[in-house]
Protein backbone atom coordinates (compact mmCIF):
# COMPACT_ATOMS: atom_id res chain seq x y z
CA UNK A 1 47.48 51.99 -15.07
CA UNK A 2 48.43 49.16 -17.49
CA UNK A 3 47.31 49.91 -21.13
CA UNK A 4 45.91 46.25 -23.68
CA UNK A 5 45.77 47.13 -27.02
CA UNK A 6 43.09 45.18 -28.36
CA UNK A 7 42.62 44.01 -32.33
CA UNK A 8 40.26 40.88 -34.01
CA UNK A 9 43.06 40.54 -36.36
CA UNK A 10 46.41 40.06 -33.69
CA UNK A 11 46.77 39.21 -30.20
CA UNK A 12 47.01 41.90 -27.52
CA UNK A 13 49.63 44.37 -26.45
CA UNK A 14 50.18 45.62 -22.75
CA UNK A 15 52.18 48.48 -22.28
CA UNK A 16 52.83 50.30 -18.58
CA UNK A 17 51.42 53.35 -18.20
CA UNK A 18 54.24 55.72 -19.28
CA UNK A 19 55.20 54.04 -22.40
CA UNK A 20 50.67 53.76 -23.52
CA UNK A 21 50.84 57.39 -22.82
CA UNK A 22 53.91 57.80 -25.05
CA UNK A 23 52.14 55.88 -27.88
CA UNK A 24 48.92 57.38 -27.94
CA UNK A 25 50.20 61.22 -27.54
CA UNK A 26 52.47 60.36 -30.87
CA UNK A 27 49.16 59.39 -32.80
CA UNK A 28 47.62 62.03 -31.49
CA UNK A 29 44.66 60.18 -29.04
CA UNK A 30 44.47 61.35 -25.30
CA UNK A 31 45.74 59.21 -22.83
CA UNK A 32 42.13 57.76 -21.57
CA UNK A 33 41.44 54.63 -19.99
CA UNK A 34 39.54 53.30 -22.81
CA UNK A 35 39.58 54.68 -26.59
CA UNK A 36 39.93 53.26 -30.53
CA UNK A 37 41.94 53.80 -33.26
CA UNK A 38 39.95 53.08 -36.22
CA UNK A 39 40.91 51.51 -39.65
CA UNK A 40 40.79 54.90 -40.89
CA UNK A 41 43.11 56.45 -38.03
CA UNK A 42 45.65 53.78 -38.51
CA UNK A 43 47.70 54.97 -41.39
CA UNK A 44 47.98 58.21 -40.01
CA UNK A 45 49.15 56.60 -36.45
CA UNK A 46 51.90 54.43 -38.21
CA UNK A 47 53.34 57.60 -40.18
CA UNK A 48 53.03 59.40 -36.62
CA UNK A 49 55.29 56.49 -35.04
CA UNK A 50 57.59 55.85 -37.64
CA UNK A 51 58.60 59.65 -37.94
CA UNK A 52 59.32 60.24 -34.06
CA UNK A 53 61.05 56.83 -33.89
CA UNK A 54 63.16 58.30 -36.82
CA UNK A 55 63.32 61.55 -35.08
CA UNK A 56 64.37 59.94 -31.66
CA UNK A 57 66.80 58.40 -33.47
CA UNK A 58 68.74 61.07 -35.44
CA UNK A 59 68.40 62.93 -31.75
CA UNK A 60 70.13 60.13 -30.09
CA UNK A 61 72.77 59.06 -32.51
CA UNK A 62 76.54 60.30 -31.25
CA UNK A 63 78.69 61.09 -34.52
CA UNK A 64 80.32 57.75 -35.51
CA UNK A 65 84.26 58.79 -34.86
CA UNK A 66 82.79 58.96 -30.76
CA UNK A 67 81.33 55.58 -30.96
CA UNK A 68 83.28 53.36 -28.78
CA UNK A 69 82.21 50.08 -26.99
CA UNK A 70 82.61 51.90 -23.82
CA UNK A 71 79.87 54.71 -25.29
CA UNK A 72 77.54 51.72 -26.44
CA UNK A 73 77.89 50.38 -22.83
CA UNK A 74 77.13 53.40 -21.56
CA UNK A 75 74.20 53.86 -23.10
CA UNK A 76 72.48 50.95 -23.50
CA UNK A 77 68.79 52.32 -23.20
CA UNK A 78 65.76 50.68 -25.13
CA UNK A 79 65.16 52.95 -27.90
CA UNK A 80 61.67 54.48 -29.23
CA UNK A 81 61.63 52.29 -32.25
CA UNK A 82 61.99 49.24 -29.91
CA UNK A 83 59.48 49.68 -27.34
CA UNK A 84 56.88 50.90 -30.24
CA UNK A 85 57.45 47.96 -32.43
CA UNK A 86 54.63 45.79 -30.90
CA UNK A 87 52.36 48.54 -31.36
CA UNK A 88 53.44 49.27 -34.89
CA UNK A 89 52.92 45.35 -35.58
CA UNK A 90 49.19 45.39 -34.19
CA UNK A 91 48.35 48.87 -36.59
CA UNK A 92 50.16 47.28 -39.10
CA UNK A 93 48.22 43.91 -39.01
CA UNK A 94 44.67 45.26 -38.18
CA UNK A 95 44.78 47.57 -40.70
CA UNK A 96 45.47 44.86 -43.45
CA UNK A 97 42.62 42.74 -41.86
CA UNK A 98 40.65 45.85 -41.38
CA UNK A 99 39.72 45.71 -38.06
CA UNK A 100 39.67 49.03 -35.60
CA UNK A 101 42.26 48.70 -32.21
CA UNK A 102 40.49 49.50 -28.82
CA UNK A 103 42.15 49.26 -25.14
CA UNK A 104 40.36 49.19 -21.79
CA UNK A 105 37.55 47.54 -23.06
């Protein structure tokens, strides 16, 4: 399944199921084919995403003295913050415009 998050305030954000499920779990929504994040729910969703990104970064960052170029190349993975960035932008833009975010409709 592919998630297509939509808002009247911004362009669509499309995510593969794994990433979409992860974003929905972080914001406290059930991974269903259809859903909504209301304007009132967006601030809590943004706070949850930011906290999850910070926690992920803290857990993933190696001690500075062990950081080498070789280490950086080996661990070249997409961070949660990068995966979440388009969704966070959509939520922020929607909140500013007073519009809900929906998916599957």
